[in-house]
Amino acid sequence: MKDNNIKPRLEQLFSTYKQLEKKNKLALREITLSEVPEIVYNSNAIENSTLTLEETEDIIFFDKIKKDHDIREIYEAKNLVKVIEFLQNNPNIKFNAELILELHKILLTGINDSIA
């Protein structure tokens, strides 16, 4: 059965990635940073955001809004970037309930502070 080969192959790929990561941390960080606008755009599109990819990039990189958008969409984009940066800057952080609540707070800041 083919499925029996998936786990060892994934483990091998992960091991290779970890070896390459040690030598190429800065390059991997740059690649990750270049993907942030698409991550934010796609994540927010799932939530029915009307921001385009270009508008998302303008908000993230230039703090610029080209046309009238719901302020919630602006905060959703900016706050998700903060979460991504937090996680990227803390790669060894322990994933637990406190972390989830902290990330939730970051995501909702400026949107709904009463439940953030």
PDB file of N, CA and C in Angstrom:
ATOM      1  N   MET A   1       0.839  -1.185   0.000  1.00  0.00           N
ATOM      2  CA  MET A   1       0.000   0.000   0.000  1.00  0.00           C
ATOM      3  C   MET A   1       0.883   1.247   0.000  1.00  0.00           C
ATOM      4  N   LYS A   2       0.554   2.227  -0.822  1.00  0.00           N
ATOM      5  CA  LYS A   2       1.357   3.442  -0.949  1.00  0.00           C
ATOM      6  C   LYS A   2       1.413   4.258   0.335  1.00  0.00           C
ATOM      7  N   ASP A   3       0.349   4.268   1.114  1.00  0.00           N
ATOM      8  CA  ASP A   3       0.292   5.074   2.326  1.00  0.00           C
ATOM      9  C   ASP A   3       1.389   4.711   3.326  1.00  0.00           C
ATOM     10  N   ASN A   4       1.871   3.494   3.275  1.00  0.00           N
ATOM     11  CA  ASN A   4       2.932   3.076   4.189  1.00  0.00           C
ATOM     12  C   ASN A   4       4.234   3.822   3.933  1.00  0.00           C
ATOM     13  N   ASN A   5       4.411   4.339   2.743  1.00  0.00           N
ATOM     14  CA  ASN A   5       5.645   5.054   2.386  1.00  0.00           C
ATOM     15  C   ASN A   5       5.574   6.542   2.689  1.00  0.00           C
ATOM     16  N   ILE A   6       4.406   7.071   2.983  1.00  0.00           N
ATOM     17  CA  ILE A   6       4.245   8.516   3.167  1.00  0.00           C
ATOM     18  C   ILE A   6       4.962   9.007   4.422  1.00  0.00           C
ATOM     19  N   LYS A   7       4.725   8.357   5.551  1.00  0.00           N
ATOM     20  CA  LYS A   7       5.322   8.827   6.805  1.00  0.00           C
ATOM     21  C   LYS A   7       6.846   8.827   6.748  1.00  0.00           C
ATOM     22  N   PRO A   8       7.498   7.746   6.344  1.00  0.00           N
ATOM     23  CA  PRO A   8       8.970   7.798   6.266  1.00  0.00           C
ATOM     24  C   PRO A   8       9.470   8.873   5.299  1.00  0.00           C
ATOM     25  N   ARG A   9       8.757   9.049   4.200  1.00  0.00           N
ATOM     26  CA  ARG A   9       9.170  10.077   3.224  1.00  0.00           C
ATOM     27  C   ARG A   9       9.036  11.479   3.821  1.00  0.00           C
ATOM     28  N   LEU A  10       7.925  11.727   4.529  1.00  0.00           N
ATOM     29  CA  LEU A  10       7.745  13.027   5.186  1.00  0.00           C
ATOM     30  C   LEU A  10       8.818  13.257   6.241  1.00  0.00           C
ATOM     31  N   GLU A  11       9.129  12.226   7.002  1.00  0.00           N
ATOM     32  CA  GLU A  11      10.185  12.342   8.012  1.00  0.00           C
ATOM     33  C   GLU A  11      11.526  12.641   7.360  1.00  0.00           C
ATOM     34  N   GLN A  12      11.805  12.006   6.231  1.00  0.00           N
ATOM     35  CA  GLN A  12      13.054  12.257   5.511  1.00  0.00           C
ATOM     36  C   GLN A  12      13.094  13.692   4.997  1.00  0.00           C
ATOM     37  N   LEU A  13      12.005  14.157   4.416  1.00  0.00           N
ATOM     38  CA  LEU A  13      11.952  15.532   3.912  1.00  0.00           C
ATOM     39  C   LEU A  13      12.113  16.545   5.046  1.00  0.00           C
ATOM     40  N   PHE A  14      11.467  16.272   6.169  1.00  0.00           N
ATOM     41  CA  PHE A  14      11.582  17.174   7.319  1.00  0.00           C
ATOM     42  C   PHE A  14      13.019  17.210   7.826  1.00  0.00           C
ATOM     43  N   SER A  15      13.656  16.064   7.887  1.00  0.00           N
ATOM     44  CA  SER A  15      15.047  15.997   8.323  1.00  0.00           C
ATOM     45  C   SER A  15      15.949  16.790   7.378  1.00  0.00           C
ATOM     46  N   THR A  16      15.738  16.626   6.096  1.00  0.00           N
ATOM     47  CA  THR A  16      16.507  17.384   5.102  1.00  0.00           C
ATOM     48  C   THR A  16      16.281  18.877   5.277  1.00  0.00           C
ATOM     49  N   TYR A  17      15.022  19.261   5.472  1.00  0.00           N
ATOM     50  CA  TYR A  17      14.690  20.675   5.685  1.00  0.00           C
ATOM     51  C   TYR A  17      15.429  21.218   6.906  1.00  0.00           C
ATOM     52  N   LYS A  18      15.409  20.486   8.020  1.00  0.00           N
ATOM     53  CA  LYS A  18      16.063  20.943   9.248  1.00  0.00           C
ATOM     54  C   LYS A  18      17.572  21.113   9.033  1.00  0.00           C
ATOM     55  N   GLN A  19      18.195  20.238   8.259  1.00  0.00           N
ATOM     56  CA  GLN A  19      19.620  20.368   7.971  1.00  0.00           C
ATOM     57  C   GLN A  19      19.898  21.617   7.132  1.00  0.00           C
ATOM     58  N   LEU A  20      19.073  21.831   6.116  1.00  0.00           N
ATOM     59  CA  LEU A  20      19.237  23.006   5.262  1.00  0.00           C
ATOM     60  C   LEU A  20      18.919  24.296   6.010  1.00  0.00           C
ATOM     61  N   GLU A  21      17.960  24.216   6.906  1.00  0.00           N
ATOM     62  CA  GLU A  21      17.544  25.393   7.668  1.00  0.00           C
ATOM     63  C   GLU A  21      18.709  25.971   8.469  1.00  0.00           C
ATOM     64  N   LYS A  22      19.521  25.107   9.058  1.00  0.00           N
ATOM     65  CA  LYS A  22      20.648  25.548   9.875  1.00  0.00           C
ATOM     66  C   LYS A  22      21.606  26.432   9.084  1.00  0.00           C
ATOM     67  N   LYS A  23      21.796  26.115   7.812  1.00  0.00           N
ATOM     68  CA  LYS A  23      22.755  26.841   6.982  1.00  0.00           C
ATOM     69  C   LYS A  23      22.128  28.035   6.264  1.00  0.00           C
ATOM     70  N   ASN A  24      20.812  28.098   6.225  1.00  0.00           N
ATOM     71  CA  ASN A  24      20.143  29.101   5.389  1.00  0.00           C
ATOM     72  C   ASN A  24      19.045  29.870   6.131  1.00  0.00           C
ATOM     73  N   LYS A  25      19.257  30.150   7.406  1.00  0.00           N
ATOM     74  CA  LYS A  25      18.220  30.804   8.214  1.00  0.00           C
ATOM     75  C   LYS A  25      17.773  32.143   7.618  1.00  0.00           C
ATOM     76  N   LEU A  26      18.700  32.969   7.205  1.00  0.00           N
ATOM     77  CA  LEU A  26      18.329  34.285   6.674  1.00  0.00           C
ATOM     78  C   LEU A  26      17.539  34.164   5.371  1.00  0.00           C
ATOM     79  N   ALA A  27      17.953  33.268   4.510  1.00  0.00           N
ATOM     80  CA  ALA A  27      17.232  33.081   3.244  1.00  0.00           C
ATOM     81  C   ALA A  27      15.817  32.572   3.500  1.00  0.00           C
ATOM     82  N   LEU A  28      15.672  31.629   4.420  1.00  0.00           N
ATOM     83  CA  LEU A  28      14.341  31.112   4.742  1.00  0.00           C
ATOM     84  C   LEU A  28      13.455  32.188   5.363  1.00  0.00           C
ATOM     85  N   ARG A  29      14.054  33.041   6.181  1.00  0.00           N
ATOM     86  CA  ARG A  29      13.289  34.154   6.772  1.00  0.00           C
ATOM     87  C   ARG A  29      12.791  35.097   5.676  1.00  0.00           C
ATOM     88  N   GLU A  30      13.653  35.408   4.727  1.00  0.00           N
ATOM     89  CA  GLU A  30      13.255  36.286   3.622  1.00  0.00           C
ATOM     90  C   GLU A  30      12.150  35.661   2.773  1.00  0.00           C
ATOM     91  N   ILE A  31      12.255  34.378   2.524  1.00  0.00           N
ATOM     92  CA  ILE A  31      11.216  33.685   1.757  1.00  0.00           C
ATOM     93  C   ILE A  31       9.891  33.752   2.510  1.00  0.00           C
ATOM     94  N   THR A  32       9.955  33.489   3.805  1.00  0.00           N
ATOM     95  CA  THR A  32       8.745  33.546   4.626  1.00  0.00           C
ATOM     96  C   THR A  32       8.140  34.937   4.601  1.00  0.00           C
ATOM     97  N   LEU A  33       8.966  35.959   4.768  1.00  0.00           N
ATOM     98  CA  LEU A  33       8.465  37.332   4.753  1.00  0.00           C
ATOM     99  C   LEU A  33       7.811  37.684   3.422  1.00  0.00           C
ATOM    100  N   SER A  34       8.361  37.169   2.340  1.00  0.00           N
ATOM    101  CA  SER A  34       7.788  37.472   1.029  1.00  0.00           C
ATOM    102  C   SER A  34       6.426  36.811   0.840  1.00  0.00           C
ATOM    103  N   GLU A  35       6.157  35.758   1.602  1.00  0.00           N
ATOM    104  CA  GLU A  35       4.882  35.043   1.495  1.00  0.00           C
ATOM    105  C   GLU A  35       3.799  35.613   2.412  1.00  0.00           C
ATOM    106  N   VAL A  36       4.157  36.474   3.345  1.00  0.00           N
ATOM    107  CA  VAL A  36       3.191  36.983   4.325  1.00  0.00           C
ATOM    108  C   VAL A  36       1.971  37.635   3.679  1.00  0.00           C
ATOM    109  N   PRO A  37       2.134  38.513   2.690  1.00  0.00           N
ATOM    110  CA  PRO A  37       0.930  39.114   2.106  1.00  0.00           C
ATOM    111  C   PRO A  37      -0.052  38.083   1.537  1.00  0.00           C
ATOM    112  N   GLU A  38       0.462  37.057   0.879  1.00  0.00           N
ATOM    113  CA  GLU A  38      -0.432  36.037   0.334  1.00  0.00           C
ATOM    114  C   GLU A  38      -1.087  35.224   1.440  1.00  0.00           C
ATOM    115  N   ILE A  39      -0.341  34.935   2.491  1.00  0.00           N
ATOM    116  CA  ILE A  39      -0.917  34.215   3.629  1.00  0.00           C
ATOM    117  C   ILE A  39      -2.063  35.037   4.220  1.00  0.00           C
ATOM    118  N   VAL A  40      -1.810  36.315   4.451  1.00  0.00           N
ATOM    119  CA  VAL A  40      -2.826  37.194   5.044  1.00  0.00           C
ATOM    120  C   VAL A  40      -4.009  37.343   4.100  1.00  0.00           C
ATOM    121  N   TYR A  41      -3.736  37.594   2.838  1.00  0.00           N
ATOM    122  CA  TYR A  41      -4.815  37.753   1.854  1.00  0.00           C
ATOM    123  C   TYR A  41      -5.703  36.508   1.808  1.00  0.00           C
ATOM    124  N   ASN A  42      -5.083  35.337   1.676  1.00  0.00           N
ATOM    125  CA  ASN A  42      -5.864  34.102   1.558  1.00  0.00           C
ATOM    126  C   ASN A  42      -6.618  33.774   2.841  1.00  0.00           C
ATOM    127  N   SER A  43      -5.989  33.989   3.968  1.00  0.00           N
ATOM    128  CA  SER A  43      -6.651  33.727   5.241  1.00  0.00           C
ATOM    129  C   SER A  43      -7.868  34.633   5.413  1.00  0.00           C
ATOM    130  N   ASN A  44      -7.686  35.909   5.119  1.00  0.00           N
ATOM    131  CA  ASN A  44      -8.794  36.857   5.280  1.00  0.00           C
ATOM    132  C   ASN A  44      -9.858  36.672   4.209  1.00  0.00           C
ATOM    133  N   ALA A  45      -9.476  36.212   3.023  1.00  0.00           N
ATOM    134  CA  ALA A  45     -10.465  35.948   1.973  1.00  0.00           C
ATOM    135  C   ALA A  45     -11.433  34.857   2.411  1.00  0.00           C
ATOM    136  N   ILE A  46     -10.934  33.889   3.166  1.00  0.00           N
ATOM    137  CA  ILE A  46     -11.797  32.840   3.705  1.00  0.00           C
ATOM    138  C   ILE A  46     -12.878  33.452   4.594  1.00  0.00           C
ATOM    139  N   GLU A  47     -12.516  34.551   5.257  1.00  0.00           N
ATOM    140  CA  GLU A  47     -13.453  35.247   6.144  1.00  0.00           C
ATOM    141  C   GLU A  47     -14.270  36.312   5.400  1.00  0.00           C
ATOM    142  N   ASN A  48     -14.270  36.246   4.079  1.00  0.00           N
ATOM    143  CA  ASN A  48     -15.029  37.159   3.211  1.00  0.00           C
ATOM    144  C   ASN A  48     -14.495  38.585   3.189  1.00  0.00           C
ATOM    145  N   SER A  49     -13.206  38.757   3.383  1.00  0.00           N
ATOM    146  CA  SER A  49     -12.607  40.079   3.255  1.00  0.00           C
ATOM    147  C   SER A  49     -12.696  40.524   1.803  1.00  0.00           C
ATOM    148  N   THR A  50     -12.928  41.810   1.608  1.00  0.00           N
ATOM    149  CA  THR A  50     -13.003  42.352   0.249  1.00  0.00           C
ATOM    150  C   THR A  50     -11.662  42.912  -0.228  1.00  0.00           C
ATOM    151  N   LEU A  51     -10.633  42.826   0.599  1.00  0.00           N
ATOM    152  CA  LEU A  51      -9.313  43.322   0.202  1.00  0.00           C
ATOM    153  C   LEU A  51      -8.729  42.453  -0.900  1.00  0.00           C
ATOM    154  N   THR A  52      -8.136  43.098  -1.878  1.00  0.00           N
ATOM    155  CA  THR A  52      -7.408  42.368  -2.910  1.00  0.00           C
ATOM    156  C   THR A  52      -5.997  42.080  -2.386  1.00  0.00           C
ATOM    157  N   LEU A  53      -5.257  41.245  -3.104  1.00  0.00           N
ATOM    158  CA  LEU A  53      -3.876  40.976  -2.716  1.00  0.00           C
ATOM    159  C   LEU A  53      -3.061  42.266  -2.755  1.00  0.00           C
ATOM    160  N   GLU A  54      -3.254  43.068  -3.783  1.00  0.00           N
ATOM    161  CA  GLU A  54      -2.519  44.334  -3.894  1.00  0.00           C
ATOM    162  C   GLU A  54      -2.852  45.266  -2.730  1.00  0.00           C
ATOM    163  N   GLU A  55      -4.117  45.350  -2.364  1.00  0.00           N
ATOM    164  CA  GLU A  55      -4.510  46.208  -1.231  1.00  0.00           C
ATOM    165  C   GLU A  55      -3.932  45.673   0.074  1.00  0.00           C
ATOM    166  N   THR A  56      -3.898  44.363   0.217  1.00  0.00           N
ATOM    167  CA  THR A  56      -3.315  43.748   1.405  1.00  0.00           C
ATOM    168  C   THR A  56      -1.831  44.092   1.498  1.00  0.00           C
ATOM    169  N   GLU A  57      -1.125  44.011   0.382  1.00  0.00           N
ATOM    170  CA  GLU A  57       0.297  44.382   0.355  1.00  0.00           C
ATOM    171  C   GLU A  57       0.477  45.847   0.724  1.00  0.00           C
ATOM    172  N   ASP A  58      -0.370  46.720   0.188  1.00  0.00           N
ATOM    173  CA  ASP A  58      -0.269  48.151   0.500  1.00  0.00           C
ATOM    174  C   ASP A  58      -0.471  48.416   1.988  1.00  0.00           C
ATOM    175  N   ILE A  59      -1.399  47.707   2.598  1.00  0.00           N
ATOM    176  CA  ILE A  59      -1.663  47.876   4.030  1.00  0.00           C
ATOM    177  C   ILE A  59      -0.478  47.376   4.846  1.00  0.00           C
ATOM    178  N   ILE A  60       0.031  46.215   4.492  1.00  0.00           N
ATOM    179  CA  ILE A  60       1.116  45.603   5.258  1.00  0.00           C
ATOM    180  C   ILE A  60       2.420  46.377   5.109  1.00  0.00           C
ATOM    181  N   PHE A  61       2.793  46.696   3.882  1.00  0.00           N
ATOM    182  CA  PHE A  61       4.106  47.281   3.645  1.00  0.00           C
ATOM    183  C   PHE A  61       4.138  48.808   3.722  1.00  0.00           C
ATOM    184  N   PHE A  62       3.028  49.453   3.339  1.00  0.00           N
ATOM    185  CA  PHE A  62       3.055  50.908   3.225  1.00  0.00           C
ATOM    186  C   PHE A  62       2.048  51.620   4.119  1.00  0.00           C
ATOM    187  N   ASP A  63       1.267  50.846   4.883  1.00  0.00           N
ATOM    188  CA  ASP A  63       0.237  51.420   5.744  1.00  0.00           C
ATOM    189  C   ASP A  63      -0.680  52.349   4.931  1.00  0.00           C
ATOM    190  N   LYS A  64      -1.025  51.872   3.747  1.00  0.00           N
ATOM    191  CA  LYS A  64      -1.766  52.674   2.782  1.00  0.00           C
ATOM    192  C   LYS A  64      -3.063  51.958   2.397  1.00  0.00           C
ATOM    193  N   ILE A  65      -4.160  52.712   2.392  1.00  0.00           N
ATOM    194  CA  ILE A  65      -5.462  52.173   2.016  1.00  0.00           C
ATOM    195  C   ILE A  65      -5.948  52.956   0.804  1.00  0.00           C
ATOM    196  N   LYS A  66      -6.174  52.262  -0.318  1.00  0.00           N
ATOM    197  CA  LYS A  66      -6.510  52.933  -1.572  1.00  0.00           C
ATOM    198  C   LYS A  66      -7.982  53.311  -1.695  1.00  0.00           C
ATOM    199  N   LYS A  67      -8.871  52.473  -1.134  1.00  0.00           N
ATOM    200  CA  LYS A  67     -10.283  52.810  -1.231  1.00  0.00           C
ATOM    201  C   LYS A  67     -10.981  52.436   0.056  1.00  0.00           C
ATOM    202  N   ASP A  68     -12.224  52.817   0.120  1.00  0.00           N
ATOM    203  CA  ASP A  68     -12.994  52.626   1.342  1.00  0.00           C
ATOM    204  C   ASP A  68     -13.200  51.149   1.647  1.00  0.00           C
ATOM    205  N   HIS A  69     -12.708  50.737   2.797  1.00  0.00           N
ATOM    206  CA  HIS A  69     -12.891  49.371   3.271  1.00  0.00           C
ATOM    207  C   HIS A  69     -13.341  49.423   4.717  1.00  0.00           C
ATOM    208  N   ASP A  70     -14.001  48.363   5.129  1.00  0.00           N
ATOM    209  CA  ASP A  70     -14.384  48.236   6.526  1.00  0.00           C
ATOM    210  C   ASP A  70     -13.108  48.227   7.368  1.00  0.00           C
ATOM    211  N   ILE A  71     -13.094  49.032   8.411  1.00  0.00           N
ATOM    212  CA  ILE A  71     -11.901  49.131   9.263  1.00  0.00           C
ATOM    213  C   ILE A  71     -11.529  47.774   9.850  1.00  0.00           C
ATOM    214  N   ARG A  72     -12.527  46.926  10.022  1.00  0.00           N
ATOM    215  CA  ARG A  72     -12.271  45.577  10.534  1.00  0.00           C
ATOM    216  C   ARG A  72     -11.314  44.824   9.611  1.00  0.00           C
ATOM    217  N   GLU A  73     -11.506  44.965   8.311  1.00  0.00           N
ATOM    218  CA  GLU A  73     -10.642  44.267   7.353  1.00  0.00           C
ATOM    219  C   GLU A  73      -9.194  44.752   7.453  1.00  0.00           C
ATOM    220  N   ILE A  74      -9.038  46.033   7.704  1.00  0.00           N
ATOM    221  CA  ILE A  74      -7.698  46.612   7.834  1.00  0.00           C
ATOM    222  C   ILE A  74      -7.001  46.019   9.063  1.00  0.00           C
ATOM    223  N   TYR A  75      -7.722  46.028  10.192  1.00  0.00           N
ATOM    224  CA  TYR A  75      -7.152  45.465  11.420  1.00  0.00           C
ATOM    225  C   TYR A  75      -6.901  43.965  11.293  1.00  0.00           C
ATOM    226  N   GLU A  76      -7.791  43.259  10.617  1.00  0.00           N
ATOM    227  CA  GLU A  76      -7.582  41.819  10.440  1.00  0.00           C
ATOM    228  C   GLU A  76      -6.270  41.551   9.709  1.00  0.00           C
ATOM    229  N   ALA A  77      -5.997  42.335   8.679  1.00  0.00           N
ATOM    230  CA  ALA A  77      -4.755  42.160   7.925  1.00  0.00           C
ATOM    231  C   ALA A  77      -3.542  42.498   8.785  1.00  0.00           C
ATOM    232  N   LYS A  78      -3.576  43.660   9.427  1.00  0.00           N
ATOM    233  CA  LYS A  78      -2.438  44.090  10.241  1.00  0.00           C
ATOM    234  C   LYS A  78      -2.204  43.159  11.431  1.00  0.00           C
ATOM    235  N   ASN A  79      -3.286  42.744  12.070  1.00  0.00           N
ATOM    236  CA  ASN A  79      -3.148  41.898  13.255  1.00  0.00           C
ATOM    237  C   ASN A  79      -2.632  40.505  12.904  1.00  0.00           C
ATOM    238  N   LEU A  80      -3.052  39.972  11.782  1.00  0.00           N
ATOM    239  CA  LEU A  80      -2.551  38.658  11.381  1.00  0.00           C
ATOM    240  C   LEU A  80      -1.049  38.722  11.094  1.00  0.00           C
ATOM    241  N   VAL A  81      -0.592  39.812  10.526  1.00  0.00           N
ATOM    242  CA  VAL A  81       0.847  39.992  10.316  1.00  0.00           C
ATOM    243  C   VAL A  81       1.571  39.968  11.664  1.00  0.00           C
ATOM    244  N   LYS A  82       1.008  40.620  12.670  1.00  0.00           N
ATOM    245  CA  LYS A  82       1.619  40.622  14.004  1.00  0.00           C
ATOM    246  C   LYS A  82       1.710  39.201  14.570  1.00  0.00           C
ATOM    247  N   VAL A  83       0.675  38.414  14.364  1.00  0.00           N
ATOM    248  CA  VAL A  83       0.690  37.028  14.838  1.00  0.00           C
ATOM    249  C   VAL A  83       1.775  36.231  14.117  1.00  0.00           C
ATOM    250  N   ILE A  84       1.839  36.388  12.808  1.00  0.00           N
ATOM    251  CA  ILE A  84       2.852  35.667  12.024  1.00  0.00           C
ATOM    252  C   ILE A  84       4.255  36.058  12.482  1.00  0.00           C
ATOM    253  N   GLU A  85       4.484  37.354  12.673  1.00  0.00           N
ATOM    254  CA  GLU A  85       5.796  37.816  13.133  1.00  0.00           C
ATOM    255  C   GLU A  85       6.112  37.281  14.527  1.00  0.00           C
ATOM    256  N   PHE A  86       5.115  37.299  15.406  1.00  0.00           N
ATOM    257  CA  PHE A  86       5.316  36.769  16.758  1.00  0.00           C
ATOM    258  C   PHE A  86       5.749  35.310  16.705  1.00  0.00           C
ATOM    259  N   LEU A  87       5.036  34.514  15.927  1.00  0.00           N
ATOM    260  CA  LEU A  87       5.360  33.087  15.830  1.00  0.00           C
ATOM    261  C   LEU A  87       6.713  32.865  15.169  1.00  0.00           C
ATOM    262  N   GLN A  88       7.019  33.685  14.178  1.00  0.00           N
ATOM    263  CA  GLN A  88       8.307  33.534  13.501  1.00  0.00           C
ATOM    264  C   GLN A  88       9.467  33.924  14.421  1.00  0.00           C
ATOM    265  N   ASN A  89       9.251  34.928  15.250  1.00  0.00           N
ATOM    266  CA  ASN A  89      10.303  35.385  16.158  1.00  0.00           C
ATOM    267  C   ASN A  89      10.439  34.507  17.400  1.00  0.00           C
ATOM    268  N   ASN A  90       9.492  33.604  17.602  1.00  0.00           N
ATOM    269  CA  ASN A  90       9.508  32.710  18.758  1.00  0.00           C
ATOM    270  C   ASN A  90       9.292  31.265  18.306  1.00  0.00           C
ATOM    271  N   PRO A  91      10.206  30.723  17.517  1.00  0.00           N
ATOM    272  CA  PRO A  91       9.978  29.405  16.923  1.00  0.00           C
ATOM    273  C   PRO A  91       9.910  28.261  17.933  1.00  0.00           C
ATOM    274  N   ASN A  92      10.452  28.457  19.105  1.00  0.00           N
ATOM    275  CA  ASN A  92      10.465  27.379  20.097  1.00  0.00           C
ATOM    276  C   ASN A  92       9.428  27.561  21.197  1.00  0.00           C
ATOM    277  N   ILE A  93       8.513  28.495  21.000  1.00  0.00           N
ATOM    278  CA  ILE A  93       7.502  28.752  22.020  1.00  0.00           C
ATOM    279  C   ILE A  93       6.599  27.538  22.188  1.00  0.00           C
ATOM    280  N   LYS A  94       6.246  27.274  23.424  1.00  0.00           N
ATOM    281  CA  LYS A  94       5.396  26.117  23.719  1.00  0.00           C
ATOM    282  C   LYS A  94       3.950  26.452  23.367  1.00  0.00           C
ATOM    283  N   PHE A  95       3.346  25.588  22.576  1.00  0.00           N
ATOM    284  CA  PHE A  95       1.962  25.783  22.150  1.00  0.00           C
ATOM    285  C   PHE A  95       1.036  25.298  23.262  1.00  0.00           C
ATOM    286  N   ASN A  96       0.306  26.234  23.880  1.00  0.00           N
ATOM    287  CA  ASN A  96      -0.597  25.883  24.970  1.00  0.00           C
ATOM    288  C   ASN A  96      -1.765  26.863  25.000  1.00  0.00           C
ATOM    289  N   ALA A  97      -2.628  26.709  25.992  1.00  0.00           N
ATOM    290  CA  ALA A  97      -3.827  27.549  26.081  1.00  0.00           C
ATOM    291  C   ALA A  97      -3.472  29.026  26.224  1.00  0.00           C
ATOM    292  N   GLU A  98      -2.448  29.334  27.005  1.00  0.00           N
ATOM    293  CA  GLU A  98      -2.055  30.738  27.184  1.00  0.00           C
ATOM    294  C   GLU A  98      -1.606  31.362  25.866  1.00  0.00           C
ATOM    295  N   LEU A  99      -0.866  30.609  25.081  1.00  0.00           N
ATOM    296  CA  LEU A  99      -0.418  31.111  23.785  1.00  0.00           C
ATOM    297  C   LEU A  99      -1.617  31.354  22.865  1.00  0.00           C
ATOM    298  N   ILE A 100      -2.532  30.422  22.844  1.00  0.00           N
ATOM    299  CA  ILE A 100      -3.726  30.585  22.002  1.00  0.00           C
ATOM    300  C   ILE A 100      -4.481  31.845  22.404  1.00  0.00           C
ATOM    301  N   LEU A 101      -4.631  32.080  23.700  1.00  0.00           N
ATOM    302  CA  LEU A 101      -5.328  33.288  24.167  1.00  0.00           C
ATOM    303  C   LEU A 101      -4.565  34.559  23.800  1.00  0.00           C
ATOM    304  N   GLU A 102      -3.239  34.494  23.888  1.00  0.00           N
ATOM    305  CA  GLU A 102      -2.423  35.659  23.514  1.00  0.00           C
ATOM    306  C   GLU A 102      -2.553  35.957  22.021  1.00  0.00           C
ATOM    307  N   LEU A 103      -2.513  34.925  21.190  1.00  0.00           N
ATOM    308  CA  LEU A 103      -2.663  35.119  19.749  1.00  0.00           C
ATOM    309  C   LEU A 103      -4.061  35.634  19.416  1.00  0.00           C
ATOM    310  N   HIS A 104      -5.054  35.132  20.115  1.00  0.00           N
ATOM    311  CA  HIS A 104      -6.433  35.603  19.939  1.00  0.00           C
ATOM    312  C   HIS A 104      -6.527  37.092  20.275  1.00  0.00           C
ATOM    313  N   LYS A 105      -5.865  37.484  21.344  1.00  0.00           N
ATOM    314  CA  LYS A 105      -5.855  38.893  21.751  1.00  0.00           C
ATOM    315  C   LYS A 105      -5.218  39.761  20.662  1.00  0.00           C
ATOM    316  N   ILE A 106      -4.108  39.303  20.132  1.00  0.00           N
ATOM    317  CA  ILE A 106      -3.434  40.053  19.065  1.00  0.00           C
ATOM    318  C   ILE A 106      -4.350  40.172  17.851  1.00  0.00           C
ATOM    319  N   LEU A 107      -5.001  39.080  17.474  1.00  0.00           N
ATOM    320  CA  LEU A 107      -5.882  39.088  16.299  1.00  0.00           C
ATOM    321  C   LEU A 107      -7.062  40.041  16.450  1.00  0.00           C
ATOM    322  N   LEU A 108      -7.598  40.157  17.654  1.00  0.00           N
ATOM    323  CA  LEU A 108      -8.813  40.954  17.840  1.00  0.00           C
ATOM    324  C   LEU A 108      -8.573  42.382  18.318  1.00  0.00           C
ATOM    325  N   THR A 109      -7.322  42.735  18.598  1.00  0.00           N
ATOM    326  CA  THR A 109      -7.026  44.086  19.041  1.00  0.00           C
ATOM    327  C   THR A 109      -7.470  45.103  17.994  1.00  0.00           C
ATOM    328  N   GLY A 110      -8.248  46.076  18.442  1.00  0.00           N
ATOM    329  CA  GLY A 110      -8.757  47.108  17.543  1.00  0.00           C
ATOM    330  C   GLY A 110     -10.021  46.701  16.825  1.00  0.00           C
ATOM    331  N   ILE A 111     -10.365  45.434  16.893  1.00  0.00           N
ATOM    332  CA  ILE A 111     -11.571  44.927  16.234  1.00  0.00           C
ATOM    333  C   ILE A 111     -12.678  44.758  17.273  1.00  0.00           C
ATOM    334  N   ASN A 112     -12.365  44.008  18.315  1.00  0.00           N
ATOM    335  CA  ASN A 112     -13.314  43.791  19.392  1.00  0.00           C
ATOM    336  C   ASN A 112     -12.521  43.625  20.681  1.00  0.00           C
ATOM    337  N   ASP A 113     -12.102  44.750  21.245  1.00  0.00           N
ATOM    338  CA  ASP A 113     -11.238  44.733  22.423  1.00  0.00           C
ATOM    339  C   ASP A 113     -11.915  44.104  23.641  1.00  0.00           C
ATOM    340  N   SER A 114     -13.241  44.102  23.671  1.00  0.00           N
ATOM    341  CA  SER A 114     -13.938  43.564  24.844  1.00  0.00           C
ATOM    342  C   SER A 114     -13.775  42.048  24.964  1.00  0.00           C
ATOM    343  N   ILE A 115     -13.532  41.365  23.855  1.00  0.00           N
ATOM    344  CA  ILE A 115     -13.303  39.912  23.927  1.00  0.00           C
ATOM    345  C   ILE A 115     -11.862  39.534  23.588  1.00  0.00           C
ATOM    346  N   ALA A 116     -11.066  40.532  23.245  1.00  0.00           N
ATOM    347  CA  ALA A 116      -9.659  40.255  22.954  1.00  0.00           C
ATOM    348  C   ALA A 116      -8.941  39.925  24.231  1.00  0.00           C
TER     349      ALA A 116
END
